[in-house]
Every structure is written in structure tokens, then in C-alpha cells.
């Protein structure tokens, strides 16, 4: 039987963003710009390019600016129209990626699992994608990373999770999977551990911010006790389904860009700016000039 299409995605965006204070005191971390586009817009575009038709964004109080970003701005649009700024109008029209976006509020911030639980009514009985709202994915193929998970689901009729290999000293920061290799980029997952000590890690394959989940996850979340950080861990609920439902780990063909801390924000801003033809040459010259100045200071 051909699996049903994956039409829906959930983007959790309720967290405080404390790693980016003081900026995130008044601005949601998901609206941090990478060059001229906020992080969450990249995420929505990835979902849309993967074939997603409907998105539910999980918000918390004080994050209404995210709704505003994806809502029409009639006065601004009229002003641009009057001034003949059609390219900017086109950019505004493309912000939502053509998908239907709705919102729900998470009043108690109790982890990623707690956020996903709020999507039960939205999802119904369908498989659905979860994309973390503070992480941008660059694909090295024509298929976005969420689309790669959807392809694995179509092939095996099973839930899937994006994974990437990390250094041994970093495994304690992530959910780590282990299992039988199906193909160079696919793993039949049989174990999942949230933030293990290096000696306890079943591999170096870390969960990488993108999920394709079965609707069974909601019943599992209801039975999942609070874990690390006294939060409901999505990884714990997914692990409880292992043995009853199949889970495919997909090594991403691409790069994960975590914009959640200041250094990674700076690094990724440089990388994305250098991808833009209108900036690349002048910006590269500027970076070389700065590097030369810093080297000269060291040699003084």
C-alpha cells in the first residue's frame, strides 16, 4: 500500500532563546536574521519546498511578532506599490511559501515533547513533519532535508529522523541513535538515548532538528514522564515506540545550521552572505582585509 502523502508540519517556536540574550528579551530567537531573512522563514520555505501544505507554529506569550511576520502588511505593500518596488513586493508575497499557517500557544514551556503534544488536533491521524524553528538546513541535493525524510517514509512506510555524525566529545549535547545500516545514508533505528555520556552513546549519529513522525507519537507523549531538565523529551517518547513501530535514521545530505547561540550565528551569517552573488566578492575582500589587520596586530 502506498503511504499517504505528508501534508502537515509542526514548527515549535515557544522557547525563550536564553543563549541569545539580551537580543531575545524582546525579539523571538526565530526572527534572528541570517543576512536579510529570519531563521523561521528559512524553515517554512524548507517545509513548503518539501511538499508540505499546512504548518502549525507553536508559540508562547510575547512571540506575536512571528505571527506578524507571516501576516499581510497592507500599508507597507501599498507604499511599495506606489513607489514601484515590485521586487520587494514579490519578496513579501513569498514569505509564507504558499502554505497555510496556523498557530497555537504553549502556556507551560515543558520541552519539545510538550510542544509537539499541542499539535494533536492539527495532525489528526496523519504522519507529519517537525522542524525546529531555530535551525536552518542546507541541502546538498535538489531535495530539502525534510523532503529527504518524506522520501524515507514513502520507501519504508515508517517514521524517520534526520541524523548527522558529530565528534565524540559532542554526543552528550544531542539525542543519539544506533541501529542496523540499511544503506550508506539510512539506519534502521533500534536504540535512542537523549544526551548520553560519551561512554554510553550507541554511535555518533545525532538527531538533527528534523523529524517525520507517526500520529502514534501523541499517545506515547501522554505516557512519557518528565526527563532531563524536568521536561517532556520527544526523544523519550520516540524511544518508547521502538520495537512496536519502525524508525528510520536518515543521514542528512546537507548541513545543519544551528542559529541558537552567538558564535554559530556569526559563522552562519558569514557563510550565507558568501552564497549571495551580490555580496560575495566585496564581502570576501572585506573579510580578508579584517583578517590581515588582525594578523598584523598579532605581529606587532
Protein backbone atom coordinates (compact mmCIF):
# COMPACT_ATOMS: atom_id res chain seq x y z
CA UNK A 1 0.00 0.00 0.00
CA UNK A 2 1.31 3.45 -0.93
CA UNK A 3 1.74 5.63 2.18
CA UNK A 4 -0.49 8.67 2.44
CA UNK A 5 1.15 11.97 1.45
CA UNK A 6 2.76 14.02 4.20
CA UNK A 7 0.85 17.29 4.14
CA UNK A 8 1.40 18.81 7.59
CA UNK A 9 4.32 20.13 9.59
CA UNK A 10 4.78 21.49 13.10
CA UNK A 11 7.35 24.15 13.98
CA UNK A 12 7.98 24.53 17.73
CA UNK A 13 8.92 28.16 18.41
CA UNK A 14 7.95 28.76 22.03
CA UNK A 15 11.33 28.73 23.80
CA UNK A 16 12.89 31.79 25.43
CA UNK A 17 16.14 31.78 23.46
CA UNK A 18 18.25 32.48 26.53
CA UNK A 19 21.51 31.72 24.69
CA UNK A 20 20.91 34.87 22.64
CA UNK A 21 20.08 37.34 25.40
CA UNK A 22 19.80 40.30 25.57
CA UNK A 23 18.53 40.40 21.96
CA UNK A 24 15.85 37.78 22.60
CA UNK A 25 14.42 39.67 25.57
CA UNK A 26 12.11 41.44 23.13
CA UNK A 27 12.59 39.63 19.80
CA UNK A 28 11.89 35.89 19.27
CA UNK A 29 15.05 33.93 18.51
CA UNK A 30 13.28 32.51 15.45
CA UNK A 31 13.27 36.02 13.96
CA UNK A 32 17.05 36.41 14.20
CA UNK A 33 18.08 37.38 10.65
CA UNK A 34 20.57 35.43 8.61
CA UNK A 35 21.57 38.18 6.18
CA UNK A 36 18.09 39.57 5.41
CA UNK A 37 15.75 36.70 6.22
CA UNK A 38 14.68 35.45 9.66
CA UNK A 39 15.57 31.91 10.62
CA UNK A 40 11.97 30.70 10.80
CA UNK A 41 11.31 31.86 7.25
CA UNK A 42 14.06 29.54 6.01
CA UNK A 43 12.35 26.76 7.97
CA UNK A 44 8.92 27.47 6.47
CA UNK A 45 10.44 27.58 2.99
CA UNK A 46 12.09 24.21 3.54
CA UNK A 47 8.74 22.72 4.53
CA UNK A 48 6.99 24.24 1.52
CA UNK A 49 9.69 23.04 -0.88
CA UNK A 50 9.28 19.54 0.58
CA UNK A 51 5.60 19.46 -0.37
CA UNK A 52 4.08 20.48 2.97
CA UNK A 53 0.71 22.22 2.61
CA UNK A 54 -0.16 23.17 6.21
CA UNK A 55 2.05 24.33 9.08
CA UNK A 56 1.27 24.75 12.77
CA UNK A 57 3.66 27.06 14.62
CA UNK A 58 3.85 26.58 18.39
CA UNK A 59 4.21 29.99 20.10
CA UNK A 60 4.43 31.33 23.63
CA UNK A 61 3.37 34.67 25.07
CA UNK A 62 5.46 37.53 23.72
CA UNK A 63 6.14 35.90 20.37
CA UNK A 64 3.34 37.58 18.42
CA UNK A 65 5.99 39.08 16.11
CA UNK A 66 6.25 35.67 14.43
CA UNK A 67 2.57 35.83 13.51
CA UNK A 68 3.06 39.37 12.26
CA UNK A 69 5.95 38.29 10.05
CA UNK A 70 3.77 35.77 8.21
CA UNK A 71 0.69 38.02 8.07
CA UNK A 72 -0.15 40.50 5.28
CA UNK A 73 1.04 44.10 5.73
CA UNK A 74 -1.40 46.15 3.63
CA UNK A 75 0.05 49.59 4.40
CA UNK A 76 3.61 48.52 3.65
CA UNK A 77 2.52 46.73 0.49
CA UNK A 78 0.59 49.78 -0.71
CA UNK A 79 3.58 52.03 -0.08
CA UNK A 80 5.87 49.71 -2.04
CA UNK A 81 3.31 49.50 -4.84
CA UNK A 82 3.07 53.29 -5.08
CA UNK A 83 6.85 53.54 -5.31
CA UNK A 84 7.14 50.85 -7.95
CA UNK A 85 9.08 48.47 -5.71
CA UNK A 86 7.80 45.30 -7.36
CA UNK A 87 10.79 43.09 -6.43
CA UNK A 88 10.22 43.88 -2.74
CA UNK A 89 6.50 43.21 -3.14
CA UNK A 90 7.34 39.84 -4.65
CA UNK A 91 9.60 39.05 -1.69
CA UNK A 92 6.83 39.90 0.77
CA UNK A 93 4.35 37.75 -1.14
CA UNK A 94 6.74 34.78 -0.98
CA UNK A 95 7.29 34.93 2.79
CA UNK A 96 4.78 32.19 3.65
CA UNK A 97 5.94 29.83 0.93
CA UNK A 98 2.34 29.39 -0.25
CA UNK A 99 1.41 27.15 2.71
CA UNK A 100 -1.42 27.64 5.19
CA UNK A 101 -0.04 28.65 8.59
CA UNK A 102 -1.90 28.42 11.88
CA UNK A 103 -0.80 28.92 15.47
CA UNK A 104 -1.26 27.52 18.97
CA UNK A 105 0.19 28.79 22.25
CA UNK A 106 2.26 26.73 24.65
CA UNK A 107 1.50 28.21 28.06
CA UNK A 108 3.80 25.89 30.01
CA UNK A 109 7.24 25.50 28.47
CA UNK A 110 7.81 21.83 29.24
CA UNK A 111 10.14 20.71 26.49
CA UNK A 112 9.95 19.73 22.85
CA UNK A 113 7.66 16.84 23.69
CA UNK A 114 5.26 19.20 25.43
CA UNK A 115 5.21 21.43 22.37
CA UNK A 116 4.52 18.56 19.95
CA UNK A 117 1.64 17.34 22.15
CA UNK A 118 -0.22 20.55 21.32
CA UNK A 119 -0.38 19.57 17.65
CA UNK A 120 -2.61 16.53 18.17
CA UNK A 121 -5.82 18.09 16.88
CA UNK A 122 -4.00 19.74 13.96
CA UNK A 123 -2.31 16.49 12.88
CA UNK A 124 -5.21 14.04 13.29
CA UNK A 125 -4.27 10.55 12.10
CA UNK A 126 -1.58 11.53 9.59
CA UNK A 127 2.19 11.24 9.57
CA UNK A 128 3.66 14.72 9.98
CA UNK A 129 6.95 16.59 10.00
CA UNK A 130 8.51 18.50 12.89
CA UNK A 131 11.06 21.20 12.08
CA UNK A 132 12.83 23.06 14.87
CA UNK A 133 12.33 26.77 14.38
CA UNK A 134 15.86 27.91 15.26
CA UNK A 135 17.77 25.65 12.87
CA UNK A 136 18.34 26.14 9.15
CA UNK A 137 19.13 23.18 6.92
CA UNK A 138 21.15 23.49 3.72
CA UNK A 139 20.71 20.56 1.36
CA UNK A 140 23.46 19.35 -0.97
CA UNK A 141 20.83 17.80 -3.25
CA UNK A 142 17.76 19.15 -5.02
CA UNK A 143 15.65 17.68 -2.20
CA UNK A 144 15.42 19.64 1.08
CA UNK A 145 16.21 17.76 4.30
CA UNK A 146 12.54 17.46 5.27
CA UNK A 147 11.90 16.12 1.79
CA UNK A 148 14.62 13.52 2.35
CA UNK A 149 12.72 12.30 5.43
CA UNK A 150 9.50 12.18 3.44
CA UNK A 151 11.27 10.08 0.80
CA UNK A 152 12.37 7.61 3.51
CA UNK A 153 8.79 7.45 4.80
CA UNK A 154 7.50 6.72 1.30
CA UNK A 155 10.08 3.95 0.89
CA UNK A 156 9.54 2.20 4.23
CA UNK A 157 6.13 3.45 5.42
CA UNK A 158 7.78 4.38 8.71
CA UNK A 159 8.68 7.37 10.84
CA UNK A 160 12.06 8.94 10.16
CA UNK A 161 14.52 11.24 11.87
CA UNK A 162 17.36 13.32 10.42
CA UNK A 163 20.79 12.48 11.86
CA UNK A 164 24.34 13.72 11.41
CA UNK A 165 27.66 12.43 12.69
CA UNK A 166 29.19 14.51 15.48
CA UNK A 167 32.53 14.44 17.29
CA UNK A 168 32.73 12.07 20.30
CA UNK A 169 33.01 14.96 22.75
CA UNK A 170 29.72 16.41 21.46
CA UNK A 171 27.42 13.39 21.79
CA UNK A 172 26.29 14.49 25.26
CA UNK A 173 24.58 17.51 23.68
CA UNK A 174 22.21 15.54 21.46
CA UNK A 175 19.83 12.65 21.15
CA UNK A 176 21.91 9.78 19.75
CA UNK A 177 20.65 6.82 17.71
CA UNK A 178 22.04 3.36 16.98
CA UNK A 179 20.89 0.54 14.73
CA UNK A 180 21.38 -1.59 11.64
CA UNK A 181 22.68 0.05 8.48
CA UNK A 182 20.22 -0.23 5.61
CA UNK A 183 22.16 1.90 3.13
CA UNK A 184 25.03 4.41 3.37
CA UNK A 185 22.55 7.12 4.38
CA UNK A 186 19.88 5.05 6.20
CA UNK A 187 19.78 3.30 9.59
CA UNK A 188 17.06 1.02 10.99
CA UNK A 189 16.99 2.52 14.50
CA UNK A 190 16.82 0.17 17.49
CA UNK A 191 18.14 2.45 20.25
CA UNK A 192 17.81 6.14 21.06
CA UNK A 193 19.39 7.93 24.03
CA UNK A 194 18.90 11.58 24.99
CA UNK A 195 22.21 13.36 25.69
CA UNK A 196 24.24 10.29 26.70
CA UNK A 197 27.69 10.37 28.23
CA UNK A 198 30.27 9.53 25.52
CA UNK A 199 30.83 6.05 27.01
CA UNK A 200 27.08 5.31 26.85
CA UNK A 201 26.49 6.54 23.29
CA UNK A 202 25.47 3.80 20.82
CA UNK A 203 27.02 5.76 17.94
CA UNK A 204 27.97 9.28 16.95
CA UNK A 205 24.78 9.83 14.94
CA UNK A 206 22.98 12.78 16.48
CA UNK A 207 19.35 13.74 15.90
CA UNK A 208 19.46 16.82 13.68
CA UNK A 209 16.40 19.01 14.23
CA UNK A 210 14.06 17.38 11.69
CA UNK A 211 11.54 14.59 12.32
CA UNK A 212 8.87 12.72 10.36
CA UNK A 213 6.56 11.21 12.97
CA UNK A 214 3.67 8.79 13.20
CA UNK A 215 0.46 10.01 14.88
CA UNK A 216 1.17 7.31 17.48
CA UNK A 217 3.64 9.77 18.99
CA UNK A 218 0.79 11.60 20.73
CA UNK A 219 -0.29 8.58 22.81
CA UNK A 220 3.37 7.94 23.59
CA UNK A 221 3.85 11.52 24.75
CA UNK A 222 0.88 11.22 27.10
CA UNK A 223 2.65 8.29 28.78
CA UNK A 224 6.11 9.84 28.82
CA UNK A 225 7.32 11.09 32.22
CA UNK A 226 9.40 14.20 32.51
CA UNK A 227 13.03 13.52 31.73
CA UNK A 228 16.19 15.60 31.63
CA UNK A 229 15.63 19.21 32.66
CA UNK A 230 12.25 18.17 34.12
CA UNK A 231 10.86 18.45 30.59
CA UNK A 232 8.91 16.09 28.34
CA UNK A 233 11.54 14.84 25.92
CA UNK A 234 10.39 13.98 22.41
CA UNK A 235 13.29 11.52 22.17
CA UNK A 236 11.95 9.59 25.19
CA UNK A 237 8.53 9.23 23.55
CA UNK A 238 10.08 8.14 20.26
CA UNK A 239 12.20 5.57 22.09
CA UNK A 240 9.10 4.11 23.75
CA UNK A 241 7.72 3.31 20.29
CA UNK A 242 10.81 1.38 19.20
CA UNK A 243 10.02 -2.31 18.90
CA UNK A 244 6.38 -1.54 18.08
CA UNK A 245 6.95 0.85 15.19
CA UNK A 246 9.85 1.23 12.83
CA UNK A 247 12.05 4.32 12.84
CA UNK A 248 14.48 5.18 10.05
CA UNK A 249 17.51 7.35 10.72
CA UNK A 250 18.44 9.43 7.67
CA UNK A 251 21.93 10.87 7.40
CA UNK A 252 21.22 14.31 6.02
CA UNK A 253 22.58 15.21 2.60
CA UNK A 254 23.35 18.73 3.69
CA UNK A 255 24.41 20.87 6.63
CA UNK A 256 22.66 21.79 9.86
CA UNK A 257 22.99 25.45 10.82
CA UNK A 258 22.09 25.97 14.47
CA UNK A 259 21.45 29.70 14.91
CA UNK A 260 20.74 29.32 18.62
CA UNK A 261 23.97 30.78 20.00
CA UNK A 262 26.00 33.85 19.21
CA UNK A 263 29.09 32.26 17.69
CA UNK A 264 27.10 29.98 15.38
CA UNK A 265 25.00 32.98 14.34
CA UNK A 266 28.16 34.86 13.30
CA UNK A 267 29.58 31.87 11.46
CA UNK A 268 26.38 31.14 9.59
CA UNK A 269 25.79 34.78 8.70
CA UNK A 270 29.20 34.84 7.02
CA UNK A 271 28.53 31.56 5.21
CA UNK A 272 25.11 32.62 3.93
CA UNK A 273 26.36 36.07 2.91
CA UNK A 274 29.10 34.48 0.80
CA UNK A 275 26.42 32.50 -1.06
CA UNK A 276 24.82 35.71 -2.29
CA UNK A 277 26.28 36.82 -5.65
CA UNK A 278 25.56 40.48 -4.94
CA UNK A 279 27.64 40.39 -1.74
CA UNK A 280 30.19 37.65 -2.24
CA UNK A 281 33.18 39.40 -3.83
CA UNK A 282 33.07 42.61 -1.80
CA UNK A 283 32.32 40.75 1.43
CA UNK A 284 35.15 38.28 0.85
CA UNK A 285 37.52 41.19 0.23
CA UNK A 286 36.35 42.78 3.48
CA UNK A 287 36.90 39.54 5.44
CA UNK A 288 40.41 39.21 4.03
CA UNK A 289 41.14 42.81 4.98
CA UNK A 290 39.93 42.24 8.54
CA UNK A 291 41.96 39.03 8.81
CA UNK A 292 45.07 40.85 7.57
CA UNK A 293 44.58 43.64 10.13
CA UNK A 294 44.19 41.12 12.95
CA UNK A 295 47.30 39.25 11.85
CA UNK A 296 49.25 42.49 11.76
CA UNK A 297 48.18 43.27 15.33
CA UNK A 298 49.47 39.89 16.50
CA UNK A 299 52.82 40.52 14.85
CA UNK A 300 53.34 43.95 16.41
